[in-house]
Amino acid sequence: MFVVRNVVPADVEQLLELAETVHSSNLPPDPQAMADRIDHSLACFQGRDVEDAAVYMFVLEDTDTGRVAGTSSLVTGKGTPDRPRLFLRVRKREHYSRDLQAGQVQMTLQLGQDCSGPTEMGGLVLGEEWRGGPHRLGSLLSKMRFAFIGVHPDRFSPRLIGEIMGSLTQDGRTMLWDHLGRRFINLSYLEADAFSRTSKEFILSLFPKDEIYVSLLPPEARRLIGRVAPEAVPAMRMLEHQGFQRCDEVDPFDGGPHIEADRDQVPLVRDTEIRTLCAMGSGTTELHECLLGNLESDGFRGVRANVELRGDDEVALPDDTVAALRVSKSGRVSVTRVGRSGS
């Protein structure tokens, strides 16, 4: 069985292995940085006060082997006055010549910053051997975050965002940065992106404040504005299915699109409810595919299972699901319906 749970210090080695397979600021490849992020996340799950923005880091565990198959995260306060969230605003400008009786529409980019503190749906990484197949593990890892938000909405901003990875070359470069960002900041894409994890000042100080006309860039750079990396397409599609839409922002480093949604309008958040466990029936009751979460822990454990929904406030779970959740047989769990499995 696969369980989505809060990260723990023992996960550090397996997470470092995952970090080597993808470029993500939410999954640092450095051992100390990873250990610090795990400790910070655990404090957030346990409700302890933390100095920086809260980070809830989930892992997907194969309980038969104990292996970590993937990870995802929620990052609150993604953009504050001390540490703004930076992006490139994409605009269209219309120009018209009366004498020529002709005009053009030009695209521009302009550095922007957001200090409003939205919550980011980030860090979704699934190990290559677990991708595809009937278990839909990427979907489970993504959707369980919304169930957690549904239980604890006050911990998260009313505005949810996703910063989708842009397209990179095999050697970890992007023509957009090479032809735009590097003209003003003499760092490689990987160097600049890594440095931005601890500082935004260098971007604000060195990058132009004015609009930049995209037509001045070569075609290979222009094509990357708003393009999604192939490996990030499934994650983006899952978020779009929950109501996320593109906004007029792209990443200043790789050009990947930013998307956003209203927290309370996301179906999986809106439809999450709390129910009490009861005994399973005779087997003739209609079953529903649901995401289930343990409410008795100061961390988090969640699974996907076919369950019986009784009345307005009860749910019947198979014994192996109860055991995987580590919840008492008369306990309370979060229930988020994702489908109907039949009778």
C-alpha atoms as a PDB file:
ATOM      1  CA  MET A   1       0.000   0.000   0.000  1.00  0.00           C
ATOM      2  CA  PHE A   2       1.076   3.584  -0.626  1.00  0.00           C
ATOM      3  CA  VAL A   3       0.792   6.175   2.143  1.00  0.00           C
ATOM      4  CA  VAL A   4       1.286   9.928   1.919  1.00  0.00           C
ATOM      5  CA  ARG A   5       2.754  11.146   5.205  1.00  0.00           C
ATOM      6  CA  ASN A   6       4.736  14.002   6.690  1.00  0.00           C
ATOM      7  CA  VAL A   7       8.464  13.906   6.101  1.00  0.00           C
ATOM      8  CA  VAL A   8      10.771  12.665   8.898  1.00  0.00           C
ATOM      9  CA  PRO A   9      14.569  12.918   9.372  1.00  0.00           C
ATOM     10  CA  ALA A  10      15.057   9.282   8.317  1.00  0.00           C
ATOM     11  CA  ASP A  11      13.876  10.232   4.789  1.00  0.00           C
ATOM     12  CA  VAL A  12      16.867  12.461   4.065  1.00  0.00           C
ATOM     13  CA  GLU A  13      18.957   9.989   2.046  1.00  0.00           C
ATOM     14  CA  GLN A  14      16.109   8.884  -0.207  1.00  0.00           C
ATOM     15  CA  LEU A  15      15.016  12.482  -0.761  1.00  0.00           C
ATOM     16  CA  LEU A  16      18.558  13.426  -1.762  1.00  0.00           C
ATOM     17  CA  GLU A  17      18.408  10.676  -4.374  1.00  0.00           C
ATOM     18  CA  LEU A  18      15.159  12.138  -5.711  1.00  0.00           C
ATOM     19  CA  ALA A  19      16.682  15.629  -5.710  1.00  0.00           C
ATOM     20  CA  GLU A  20      19.363  14.448  -8.127  1.00  0.00           C
ATOM     21  CA  THR A  21      16.693  13.609 -10.712  1.00  0.00           C
ATOM     22  CA  VAL A  22      15.066  17.038 -10.964  1.00  0.00           C
ATOM     23  CA  HIS A  23      15.870  20.731 -10.693  1.00  0.00           C
ATOM     24  CA  SER A  24      13.624  22.142  -7.931  1.00  0.00           C
ATOM     25  CA  SER A  25      14.197  24.864  -5.341  1.00  0.00           C
ATOM     26  CA  ASN A  26      11.779  22.991  -3.071  1.00  0.00           C
ATOM     27  CA  LEU A  27      13.991  19.906  -3.110  1.00  0.00           C
ATOM     28  CA  PRO A  28      17.590  21.018  -2.443  1.00  0.00           C
ATOM     29  CA  PRO A  29      20.315  18.478  -3.342  1.00  0.00           C
ATOM     30  CA  ASP A  30      22.529  19.620  -0.447  1.00  0.00           C
ATOM     31  CA  PRO A  31      22.419  17.267   2.622  1.00  0.00           C
ATOM     32  CA  GLN A  32      22.426  20.036   5.238  1.00  0.00           C
ATOM     33  CA  ALA A  33      19.851  22.108   3.377  1.00  0.00           C
ATOM     34  CA  MET A  34      17.651  19.034   3.034  1.00  0.00           C
ATOM     35  CA  ALA A  35      17.996  18.159   6.730  1.00  0.00           C
ATOM     36  CA  ASP A  36      17.123  21.736   7.706  1.00  0.00           C
ATOM     37  CA  ARG A  37      14.074  21.698   5.438  1.00  0.00           C
ATOM     38  CA  ILE A  38      12.882  18.415   6.949  1.00  0.00           C
ATOM     39  CA  ASP A  39      13.245  19.741  10.512  1.00  0.00           C
ATOM     40  CA  HIS A  40      11.408  22.927   9.568  1.00  0.00           C
ATOM     41  CA  SER A  41       8.605  20.967   7.917  1.00  0.00           C
ATOM     42  CA  LEU A  42       8.184  18.654  10.903  1.00  0.00           C
ATOM     43  CA  ALA A  43       7.844  21.672  13.195  1.00  0.00           C
ATOM     44  CA  CYS A  44       5.111  23.048  10.918  1.00  0.00           C
ATOM     45  CA  PHE A  45       3.140  19.788  10.918  1.00  0.00           C
ATOM     46  CA  GLN A  46       3.369  19.669  14.715  1.00  0.00           C
ATOM     47  CA  GLY A  47       2.080  23.223  15.029  1.00  0.00           C
ATOM     48  CA  ARG A  48       5.250  24.673  16.531  1.00  0.00           C
ATOM     49  CA  ASP A  49       6.193  28.295  15.889  1.00  0.00           C
ATOM     50  CA  VAL A  50       8.680  28.744  13.044  1.00  0.00           C
ATOM     51  CA  GLU A  51      10.587  31.852  12.040  1.00  0.00           C
ATOM     52  CA  ASP A  52      10.187  31.624   8.283  1.00  0.00           C
ATOM     53  CA  ALA A  53       7.231  30.762   6.067  1.00  0.00           C
ATOM     54  CA  ALA A  54       5.687  27.393   6.907  1.00  0.00           C
ATOM     55  CA  VAL A  55       6.670  24.460   4.701  1.00  0.00           C
ATOM     56  CA  TYR A  56       4.663  21.225   4.748  1.00  0.00           C
ATOM     57  CA  MET A  57       6.691  18.532   3.040  1.00  0.00           C
ATOM     58  CA  PHE A  58       4.916  15.265   2.173  1.00  0.00           C
ATOM     59  CA  VAL A  59       6.450  11.970   1.103  1.00  0.00           C
ATOM     60  CA  LEU A  60       4.855   9.026  -0.663  1.00  0.00           C
ATOM     61  CA  GLU A  61       5.931   5.758   0.945  1.00  0.00           C
ATOM     62  CA  ASP A  62       5.547   2.200  -0.328  1.00  0.00           C
ATOM     63  CA  THR A  63       4.669   0.542   2.987  1.00  0.00           C
ATOM     64  CA  ASP A  64       5.608  -2.907   1.638  1.00  0.00           C
ATOM     65  CA  THR A  65       9.233  -1.866   1.129  1.00  0.00           C
ATOM     66  CA  GLY A  66       9.612   1.339   3.158  1.00  0.00           C
ATOM     67  CA  ARG A  67      10.889   3.143   0.055  1.00  0.00           C
ATOM     68  CA  VAL A  68      10.068   6.788  -0.633  1.00  0.00           C
ATOM     69  CA  ALA A  69       8.509   6.955  -4.093  1.00  0.00           C
ATOM     70  CA  GLY A  70       8.024  10.714  -4.268  1.00  0.00           C
ATOM     71  CA  THR A  71       7.499  13.999  -2.492  1.00  0.00           C
ATOM     72  CA  SER A  72       5.426  17.192  -2.696  1.00  0.00           C
ATOM     73  CA  SER A  73       5.021  20.282  -0.550  1.00  0.00           C
ATOM     74  CA  LEU A  74       2.956  23.277   0.477  1.00  0.00           C
ATOM     75  CA  VAL A  75       4.815  26.538   1.091  1.00  0.00           C
ATOM     76  CA  THR A  76       2.930  29.318   2.869  1.00  0.00           C
ATOM     77  CA  GLY A  77       3.902  32.967   2.734  1.00  0.00           C
ATOM     78  CA  LYS A  78       5.553  32.595  -0.686  1.00  0.00           C
ATOM     79  CA  GLY A  79       6.360  36.284  -1.009  1.00  0.00           C
ATOM     80  CA  THR A  80       6.900  38.739   1.836  1.00  0.00           C
ATOM     81  CA  PRO A  81       8.333  42.280   2.064  1.00  0.00           C
ATOM     82  CA  ASP A  82      11.625  40.805   3.299  1.00  0.00           C
ATOM     83  CA  ARG A  83      11.673  38.058   0.669  1.00  0.00           C
ATOM     84  CA  PRO A  84       9.418  38.910  -2.284  1.00  0.00           C
ATOM     85  CA  ARG A  85       8.265  36.412  -4.850  1.00  0.00           C
ATOM     86  CA  LEU A  86       9.743  37.503  -8.175  1.00  0.00           C
ATOM     87  CA  PHE A  87       8.322  36.960 -11.640  1.00  0.00           C
ATOM     88  CA  LEU A  88       8.257  38.428 -15.118  1.00  0.00           C
ATOM     89  CA  ARG A  89       4.959  40.115 -15.970  1.00  0.00           C
ATOM     90  CA  VAL A  90       3.867  39.293 -19.533  1.00  0.00           C
ATOM     91  CA  ARG A  91       1.960  42.047 -21.331  1.00  0.00           C
ATOM     92  CA  LYS A  92       0.781  42.838 -24.836  1.00  0.00           C
ATOM     93  CA  ARG A  93       1.317  46.356 -26.115  1.00  0.00           C
ATOM     94  CA  GLU A  94      -0.531  47.680 -29.194  1.00  0.00           C
ATOM     95  CA  HIS A  95       1.258  50.168 -31.448  1.00  0.00           C
ATOM     96  CA  TYR A  96      -0.402  51.910 -34.373  1.00  0.00           C
ATOM     97  CA  SER A  97       0.889  54.304 -37.043  1.00  0.00           C
ATOM     98  CA  ARG A  98      -1.710  56.658 -38.445  1.00  0.00           C
ATOM     99  CA  ASP A  99       0.453  57.545 -41.428  1.00  0.00           C
ATOM    100  CA  LEU A 100       1.187  53.921 -42.337  1.00  0.00           C
ATOM    101  CA  GLN A 101      -2.333  52.821 -41.459  1.00  0.00           C
ATOM    102  CA  ALA A 102      -0.754  49.772 -39.861  1.00  0.00           C
ATOM    103  CA  GLY A 103      -0.002  48.493 -36.390  1.00  0.00           C
ATOM    104  CA  GLN A 104       1.624  45.782 -34.359  1.00  0.00           C
ATOM    105  CA  VAL A 105       1.038  43.945 -31.112  1.00  0.00           C
ATOM    106  CA  GLN A 106       4.235  43.505 -29.131  1.00  0.00           C
ATOM    107  CA  MET A 107       4.838  41.285 -26.111  1.00  0.00           C
ATOM    108  CA  THR A 108       6.817  42.723 -23.207  1.00  0.00           C
ATOM    109  CA  LEU A 109       8.362  41.364 -20.032  1.00  0.00           C
ATOM    110  CA  GLN A 110       8.825  43.329 -16.823  1.00  0.00           C
ATOM    111  CA  LEU A 111      10.242  42.234 -13.491  1.00  0.00           C
ATOM    112  CA  GLY A 112       7.561  42.180 -10.803  1.00  0.00           C
ATOM    113  CA  GLN A 113       7.387  41.244  -7.162  1.00  0.00           C
ATOM    114  CA  ASP A 114       4.638  39.865  -4.947  1.00  0.00           C
ATOM    115  CA  CYS A 115       4.689  40.409  -1.169  1.00  0.00           C
ATOM    116  CA  SER A 116       1.139  39.164  -0.474  1.00  0.00           C
ATOM    117  CA  GLY A 117       2.193  35.708   0.767  1.00  0.00           C
ATOM    118  CA  PRO A 118       0.190  33.213  -1.347  1.00  0.00           C
ATOM    119  CA  THR A 119       0.521  29.478  -0.732  1.00  0.00           C
ATOM    120  CA  GLU A 120       2.580  27.575  -3.305  1.00  0.00           C
ATOM    121  CA  MET A 121       1.776  24.053  -4.443  1.00  0.00           C
ATOM    122  CA  GLY A 122       5.374  22.979  -4.966  1.00  0.00           C
ATOM    123  CA  GLY A 123       8.024  20.297  -4.973  1.00  0.00           C
ATOM    124  CA  LEU A 124       6.090  17.498  -6.701  1.00  0.00           C
ATOM    125  CA  VAL A 125       8.667  14.862  -7.658  1.00  0.00           C
ATOM    126  CA  LEU A 126       7.921  11.213  -8.394  1.00  0.00           C
ATOM    127  CA  GLY A 127      10.674   8.632  -8.818  1.00  0.00           C
ATOM    128  CA  GLU A 128      11.010   7.429 -12.404  1.00  0.00           C
ATOM    129  CA  GLU A 129      10.187   3.797 -11.632  1.00  0.00           C
ATOM    130  CA  TRP A 130       6.841   4.789 -10.101  1.00  0.00           C
ATOM    131  CA  ARG A 131       5.638   6.989 -12.952  1.00  0.00           C
ATOM    132  CA  GLY A 132       2.713   5.778 -15.008  1.00  0.00           C
ATOM    133  CA  GLY A 133       0.961   2.524 -14.192  1.00  0.00           C
ATOM    134  CA  PRO A 134      -2.423   1.829 -12.586  1.00  0.00           C
ATOM    135  CA  HIS A 135      -1.736   3.294  -9.128  1.00  0.00           C
ATOM    136  CA  ARG A 136      -1.811   6.947 -10.300  1.00  0.00           C
ATOM    137  CA  LEU A 137       0.791   7.844  -7.699  1.00  0.00           C
ATOM    138  CA  GLY A 138       1.511  11.319  -9.044  1.00  0.00           C
ATOM    139  CA  SER A 139      -2.174  12.133  -8.760  1.00  0.00           C
ATOM    140  CA  LEU A 140      -2.293  10.791  -5.195  1.00  0.00           C
ATOM    141  CA  LEU A 141       0.740  12.818  -4.147  1.00  0.00           C
ATOM    142  CA  SER A 142      -0.676  15.998  -5.663  1.00  0.00           C
ATOM    143  CA  LYS A 143      -4.282  15.659  -4.503  1.00  0.00           C
ATOM    144  CA  MET A 144      -3.489  14.759  -0.906  1.00  0.00           C
ATOM    145  CA  ARG A 145      -2.144  18.270  -0.373  1.00  0.00           C
ATOM    146  CA  PHE A 146      -5.578  19.695  -1.128  1.00  0.00           C
ATOM    147  CA  ALA A 147      -7.185  17.326   1.367  1.00  0.00           C
ATOM    148  CA  PHE A 148      -4.741  18.615   3.994  1.00  0.00           C
ATOM    149  CA  ILE A 149      -5.650  22.212   3.124  1.00  0.00           C
ATOM    150  CA  GLY A 150      -9.320  21.257   3.412  1.00  0.00           C
ATOM    151  CA  VAL A 151      -8.763  20.185   7.028  1.00  0.00           C
ATOM    152  CA  HIS A 152      -6.597  23.192   7.946  1.00  0.00           C
ATOM    153  CA  PRO A 153      -7.741  26.046   5.647  1.00  0.00           C
ATOM    154  CA  ASP A 154      -6.737  28.767   8.131  1.00  0.00           C
ATOM    155  CA  ARG A 155      -3.077  27.755   7.797  1.00  0.00           C
ATOM    156  CA  PHE A 156      -3.064  28.647   4.119  1.00  0.00           C
ATOM    157  CA  SER A 157      -3.593  31.754   2.033  1.00  0.00           C
ATOM    158  CA  PRO A 158      -6.896  32.205   0.168  1.00  0.00           C
ATOM    159  CA  ARG A 159      -4.746  32.384  -2.978  1.00  0.00           C
ATOM    160  CA  LEU A 160      -2.973  29.253  -4.172  1.00  0.00           C
ATOM    161  CA  ILE A 161      -0.244  29.379  -6.809  1.00  0.00           C
ATOM    162  CA  GLY A 162       1.821  26.940  -8.807  1.00  0.00           C
ATOM    163  CA  GLU A 163       5.169  27.829 -10.369  1.00  0.00           C
ATOM    164  CA  ILE A 164       5.553  25.349 -13.219  1.00  0.00           C
ATOM    165  CA  MET A 165       9.020  24.327 -14.347  1.00  0.00           C
ATOM    166  CA  GLY A 166      10.147  25.717 -17.681  1.00  0.00           C
ATOM    167  CA  SER A 167      12.003  23.814 -20.372  1.00  0.00           C
ATOM    168  CA  LEU A 168      15.745  23.246 -19.817  1.00  0.00           C
ATOM    169  CA  THR A 169      18.470  21.776 -21.992  1.00  0.00           C
ATOM    170  CA  GLN A 170      20.124  18.450 -21.141  1.00  0.00           C
ATOM    171  CA  ASP A 171      23.016  20.267 -19.452  1.00  0.00           C
ATOM    172  CA  GLY A 172      20.721  22.383 -17.254  1.00  0.00           C
ATOM    173  CA  ARG A 173      20.632  25.605 -19.288  1.00  0.00           C
ATOM    174  CA  THR A 174      17.889  27.743 -20.763  1.00  0.00           C
ATOM    175  CA  MET A 175      18.188  30.052 -23.744  1.00  0.00           C
ATOM    176  CA  LEU A 176      15.828  32.537 -22.075  1.00  0.00           C
ATOM    177  CA  TRP A 177      18.254  33.123 -19.215  1.00  0.00           C
ATOM    178  CA  ASP A 178      21.291  33.090 -21.512  1.00  0.00           C
ATOM    179  CA  HIS A 179      19.799  35.784 -23.779  1.00  0.00           C
ATOM    180  CA  LEU A 180      18.008  37.844 -21.120  1.00  0.00           C
ATOM    181  CA  GLY A 181      18.936  37.374 -17.463  1.00  0.00           C
ATOM    182  CA  ARG A 182      22.625  36.787 -18.059  1.00  0.00           C
ATOM    183  CA  ARG A 183      22.927  40.058 -19.971  1.00  0.00           C
ATOM    184  CA  PHE A 184      22.447  41.810 -16.616  1.00  0.00           C
ATOM    185  CA  ILE A 185      23.482  39.180 -14.034  1.00  0.00           C
ATOM    186  CA  ASN A 186      26.777  37.459 -14.845  1.00  0.00           C
ATOM    187  CA  LEU A 187      25.832  34.053 -13.480  1.00  0.00           C
ATOM    188  CA  SER A 188      24.805  30.855 -15.225  1.00  0.00           C
ATOM    189  CA  TYR A 189      21.180  29.787 -14.929  1.00  0.00           C
ATOM    190  CA  LEU A 190      22.012  27.145 -12.318  1.00  0.00           C
ATOM    191  CA  GLU A 191      24.187  29.560 -10.322  1.00  0.00           C
ATOM    192  CA  ALA A 192      21.584  32.321 -10.344  1.00  0.00           C
ATOM    193  CA  ASP A 193      18.730  29.996  -9.466  1.00  0.00           C
ATOM    194  CA  ALA A 194      20.692  28.450  -6.585  1.00  0.00           C
ATOM    195  CA  PHE A 195      21.712  31.872  -5.229  1.00  0.00           C
ATOM    196  CA  SER A 196      18.097  33.066  -5.375  1.00  0.00           C
ATOM    197  CA  ARG A 197      17.162  30.497  -2.728  1.00  0.00           C
ATOM    198  CA  THR A 198      18.896  32.644  -0.124  1.00  0.00           C
ATOM    199  CA  SER A 199      18.821  36.118  -1.714  1.00  0.00           C
ATOM    200  CA  LYS A 200      16.532  38.121  -3.986  1.00  0.00           C
ATOM    201  CA  GLU A 201      18.479  41.355  -3.628  1.00  0.00           C
ATOM    202  CA  PHE A 202      20.868  40.682  -6.499  1.00  0.00           C
ATOM    203  CA  ILE A 203      17.969  40.297  -8.947  1.00  0.00           C
ATOM    204  CA  LEU A 204      16.201  43.440  -7.759  1.00  0.00           C
ATOM    205  CA  SER A 205      19.447  45.417  -7.927  1.00  0.00           C
ATOM    206  CA  LEU A 206      20.787  44.210 -11.284  1.00  0.00           C
ATOM    207  CA  PHE A 207      17.772  43.323 -13.435  1.00  0.00           C
ATOM    208  CA  PRO A 208      16.108  46.158 -15.412  1.00  0.00           C
ATOM    209  CA  LYS A 209      12.984  47.720 -13.902  1.00  0.00           C
ATOM    210  CA  ASP A 210      11.524  48.750 -17.269  1.00  0.00           C
ATOM    211  CA  GLU A 211       9.568  46.701 -19.793  1.00  0.00           C
ATOM    212  CA  ILE A 212      11.646  44.626 -22.201  1.00  0.00           C
ATOM    213  CA  TYR A 213      10.277  44.002 -25.686  1.00  0.00           C
ATOM    214  CA  VAL A 214      10.341  40.268 -26.422  1.00  0.00           C
ATOM    215  CA  SER A 215      10.905  40.884 -30.147  1.00  0.00           C
ATOM    216  CA  LEU A 216      14.472  41.925 -29.275  1.00  0.00           C
ATOM    217  CA  LEU A 217      15.238  38.364 -28.147  1.00  0.00           C
ATOM    218  CA  PRO A 218      16.217  35.581 -30.572  1.00  0.00           C
ATOM    219  CA  PRO A 219      13.484  33.078 -31.533  1.00  0.00           C
ATOM    220  CA  GLU A 220      14.946  30.271 -29.415  1.00  0.00           C
ATOM    221  CA  ALA A 221      14.560  32.449 -26.323  1.00  0.00           C
ATOM    222  CA  ARG A 222      11.105  33.786 -27.202  1.00  0.00           C
ATOM    223  CA  ARG A 223       9.749  30.259 -27.628  1.00  0.00           C
ATOM    224  CA  LEU A 224      10.521  29.457 -23.982  1.00  0.00           C
ATOM    225  CA  ILE A 225       8.251  32.131 -22.508  1.00  0.00           C
ATOM    226  CA  GLY A 226       5.408  30.231 -20.861  1.00  0.00           C
ATOM    227  CA  ARG A 227       6.609  26.834 -22.077  1.00  0.00           C
ATOM    228  CA  VAL A 228       6.240  23.885 -19.685  1.00  0.00           C
ATOM    229  CA  ALA A 229       8.980  21.268 -19.264  1.00  0.00           C
ATOM    230  CA  PRO A 230       7.729  17.899 -20.589  1.00  0.00           C
ATOM    231  CA  GLU A 231       8.184  16.236 -17.201  1.00  0.00           C
ATOM    232  CA  ALA A 232       6.070  18.971 -15.549  1.00  0.00           C
ATOM    233  CA  VAL A 233       3.077  18.654 -17.871  1.00  0.00           C
ATOM    234  CA  PRO A 234       1.224  15.981 -15.792  1.00  0.00           C
ATOM    235  CA  ALA A 235       1.574  18.062 -12.610  1.00  0.00           C
ATOM    236  CA  MET A 236       0.247  21.130 -14.377  1.00  0.00           C
ATOM    237  CA  ARG A 237      -2.698  19.203 -15.834  1.00  0.00           C
ATOM    238  CA  MET A 238      -3.660  17.967 -12.343  1.00  0.00           C
ATOM    239  CA  LEU A 239      -3.644  21.517 -11.002  1.00  0.00           C
ATOM    240  CA  GLU A 240      -5.666  22.780 -13.961  1.00  0.00           C
ATOM    241  CA  HIS A 241      -8.234  20.065 -13.272  1.00  0.00           C
ATOM    242  CA  GLN A 242      -8.652  21.623  -9.810  1.00  0.00           C
ATOM    243  CA  GLY A 243      -9.372  25.037 -11.299  1.00  0.00           C
ATOM    244  CA  PHE A 244      -5.899  26.555 -11.565  1.00  0.00           C
ATOM    245  CA  GLN A 245      -5.490  28.976 -14.477  1.00  0.00           C
ATOM    246  CA  ARG A 246      -2.542  30.693 -16.091  1.00  0.00           C
ATOM    247  CA  CYS A 247      -1.900  34.255 -15.038  1.00  0.00           C
ATOM    248  CA  ASP A 248       0.261  36.861 -16.767  1.00  0.00           C
ATOM    249  CA  GLU A 249       3.439  35.743 -14.967  1.00  0.00           C
ATOM    250  CA  VAL A 250       6.392  33.531 -15.885  1.00  0.00           C
ATOM    251  CA  ASP A 251       9.481  32.479 -13.996  1.00  0.00           C
ATOM    252  CA  PRO A 252      12.353  34.994 -14.403  1.00  0.00           C
ATOM    253  CA  PHE A 253      14.903  32.192 -14.756  1.00  0.00           C
ATOM    254  CA  ASP A 254      13.388  29.505 -16.981  1.00  0.00           C
ATOM    255  CA  GLY A 255      10.211  31.176 -18.318  1.00  0.00           C
ATOM    256  CA  GLY A 256       7.867  28.519 -16.911  1.00  0.00           C
ATOM    257  CA  PRO A 257       4.251  29.692 -16.435  1.00  0.00           C
ATOM    258  CA  HIS A 258       2.680  30.599 -13.101  1.00  0.00           C
ATOM    259  CA  ILE A 259      -0.861  29.454 -12.382  1.00  0.00           C
ATOM    260  CA  GLU A 260      -3.250  30.300  -9.549  1.00  0.00           C
ATOM    261  CA  ALA A 261      -6.589  29.419  -7.966  1.00  0.00           C
ATOM    262  CA  ASP A 262      -8.943  30.525  -5.208  1.00  0.00           C
ATOM    263  CA  ARG A 263      -8.401  28.149  -2.262  1.00  0.00           C
ATOM    264  CA  ASP A 264     -12.079  27.867  -1.374  1.00  0.00           C
ATOM    265  CA  GLN A 265     -13.110  27.159  -4.972  1.00  0.00           C
ATOM    266  CA  VAL A 266     -10.775  24.177  -5.430  1.00  0.00           C
ATOM    267  CA  PRO A 267     -13.078  21.104  -5.456  1.00  0.00           C
ATOM    268  CA  LEU A 268     -10.811  18.876  -3.354  1.00  0.00           C
ATOM    269  CA  VAL A 269     -10.472  21.592  -0.694  1.00  0.00           C
ATOM    270  CA  ARG A 270     -14.141  22.538  -0.714  1.00  0.00           C
ATOM    271  CA  ASP A 271     -15.388  18.933  -0.534  1.00  0.00           C
ATOM    272  CA  THR A 272     -13.151  17.679   2.297  1.00  0.00           C
ATOM    273  CA  GLU A 273     -15.172  16.704   5.380  1.00  0.00           C
ATOM    274  CA  ILE A 274     -14.647  15.076   8.770  1.00  0.00           C
ATOM    275  CA  ARG A 275     -16.270  11.713   9.518  1.00  0.00           C
ATOM    276  CA  THR A 276     -16.240   9.101  12.295  1.00  0.00           C
ATOM    277  CA  LEU A 277     -15.144   5.517  11.605  1.00  0.00           C
ATOM    278  CA  CYS A 278     -17.700   2.714  11.755  1.00  0.00           C
ATOM    279  CA  ALA A 279     -17.767  -0.997  10.843  1.00  0.00           C
ATOM    280  CA  MET A 280     -17.874  -2.142   7.214  1.00  0.00           C
ATOM    281  CA  GLY A 281     -21.183  -3.438   5.878  1.00  0.00           C
ATOM    282  CA  SER A 282     -22.151  -6.616   4.026  1.00  0.00           C
ATOM    283  CA  GLY A 283     -20.395  -5.727   0.795  1.00  0.00           C
ATOM    284  CA  THR A 284     -23.492  -4.613  -1.136  1.00  0.00           C
ATOM    285  CA  THR A 285     -23.131  -0.950  -0.238  1.00  0.00           C
ATOM    286  CA  GLU A 286     -22.018   1.490  -2.894  1.00  0.00           C
ATOM    287  CA  LEU A 287     -18.308   2.292  -2.544  1.00  0.00           C
ATOM    288  CA  HIS A 288     -16.652   5.642  -3.103  1.00  0.00           C
ATOM    289  CA  GLU A 289     -13.022   6.304  -3.950  1.00  0.00           C
ATOM    290  CA  CYS A 290     -11.782   8.755  -1.322  1.00  0.00           C
ATOM    291  CA  LEU A 291      -8.677  10.370   0.073  1.00  0.00           C
ATOM    292  CA  LEU A 292      -8.500   9.707   3.814  1.00  0.00           C
ATOM    293  CA  GLY A 293      -6.407  11.491   6.434  1.00  0.00           C
ATOM    294  CA  ASN A 294      -5.564  10.718  10.072  1.00  0.00           C
ATOM    295  CA  LEU A 295      -6.775  13.501  12.380  1.00  0.00           C
ATOM    296  CA  GLU A 296      -5.426  11.884  15.561  1.00  0.00           C
ATOM    297  CA  SER A 297      -1.769  12.614  14.796  1.00  0.00           C
ATOM    298  CA  ASP A 298       0.209  15.843  15.126  1.00  0.00           C
ATOM    299  CA  GLY A 299       1.715  14.991  11.743  1.00  0.00           C
ATOM    300  CA  PHE A 300      -0.114  13.569   8.758  1.00  0.00           C
ATOM    301  CA  ARG A 301      -0.904  10.180   7.226  1.00  0.00           C
ATOM    302  CA  GLY A 302      -3.176   9.793   4.241  1.00  0.00           C
ATOM    303  CA  VAL A 303      -4.273   7.014   1.878  1.00  0.00           C
ATOM    304  CA  ARG A 304      -6.622   6.499  -1.048  1.00  0.00           C
ATOM    305  CA  ALA A 305      -9.195   3.746  -0.653  1.00  0.00           C
ATOM    306  CA  ASN A 306     -12.680   2.584  -1.601  1.00  0.00           C
ATOM    307  CA  VAL A 307     -14.968   3.217   1.381  1.00  0.00           C
ATOM    308  CA  GLU A 308     -18.588   3.206   2.499  1.00  0.00           C
ATOM    309  CA  LEU A 309     -20.085   6.592   3.343  1.00  0.00           C
ATOM    310  CA  ARG A 310     -22.830   6.313   5.984  1.00  0.00           C
ATOM    311  CA  GLY A 311     -25.239   9.192   6.445  1.00  0.00           C
ATOM    312  CA  ASP A 312     -23.679  12.595   6.891  1.00  0.00           C
ATOM    313  CA  ASP A 313     -20.926  11.843   9.372  1.00  0.00           C
ATOM    314  CA  GLU A 314     -19.716   8.212   9.251  1.00  0.00           C
ATOM    315  CA  VAL A 315     -17.308   6.270   7.047  1.00  0.00           C
ATOM    316  CA  ALA A 316     -16.484   2.564   6.977  1.00  0.00           C
ATOM    317  CA  LEU A 317     -12.922   1.566   6.062  1.00  0.00           C
ATOM    318  CA  PRO A 318     -11.277  -1.807   5.358  1.00  0.00           C
ATOM    319  CA  ASP A 319      -9.046  -3.037   8.179  1.00  0.00           C
ATOM    320  CA  ASP A 320      -5.848  -2.607   6.145  1.00  0.00           C
ATOM    321  CA  THR A 321      -6.754   1.032   5.490  1.00  0.00           C
ATOM    322  CA  VAL A 322      -7.346   1.661   9.193  1.00  0.00           C
ATOM    323  CA  ALA A 323      -3.966   0.081   9.940  1.00  0.00           C
ATOM    324  CA  ALA A 324      -2.197   2.150   7.265  1.00  0.00           C
ATOM    325  CA  LEU A 325      -3.711   5.349   8.648  1.00  0.00           C
ATOM    326  CA  ARG A 326      -2.765   4.340  12.219  1.00  0.00           C
ATOM    327  CA  VAL A 327      -6.076   5.619  13.488  1.00  0.00           C
ATOM    328  CA  SER A 328      -8.241   4.114  16.253  1.00  0.00           C
ATOM    329  CA  LYS A 329     -11.260   2.133  15.063  1.00  0.00           C
ATOM    330  CA  SER A 330     -13.687   4.715  16.440  1.00  0.00           C
ATOM    331  CA  GLY A 331     -11.543   7.696  15.467  1.00  0.00           C
ATOM    332  CA  ARG A 332     -12.228  10.567  13.118  1.00  0.00           C
ATOM    333  CA  VAL A 333     -10.703  10.983   9.691  1.00  0.00           C
ATOM    334  CA  SER A 334     -10.805  13.508   6.878  1.00  0.00           C
ATOM    335  CA  VAL A 335     -12.678  12.276   3.804  1.00  0.00           C
ATOM    336  CA  THR A 336     -12.325  13.737   0.315  1.00  0.00           C
ATOM    337  CA  ARG A 337     -14.317  12.105  -2.445  1.00  0.00           C
ATOM    338  CA  VAL A 338     -12.480  11.670  -5.736  1.00  0.00           C
ATOM    339  CA  GLY A 339     -14.693   9.098  -7.493  1.00  0.00           C
ATOM    340  CA  ARG A 340     -17.159   6.237  -7.336  1.00  0.00           C
ATOM    341  CA  SER A 341     -15.869   2.665  -7.550  1.00  0.00           C
ATOM    342  CA  GLY A 342     -19.141   0.805  -7.928  1.00  0.00           C
ATOM    343  CA  SER A 343     -21.368  -1.394  -5.766  1.00  0.00           C
END
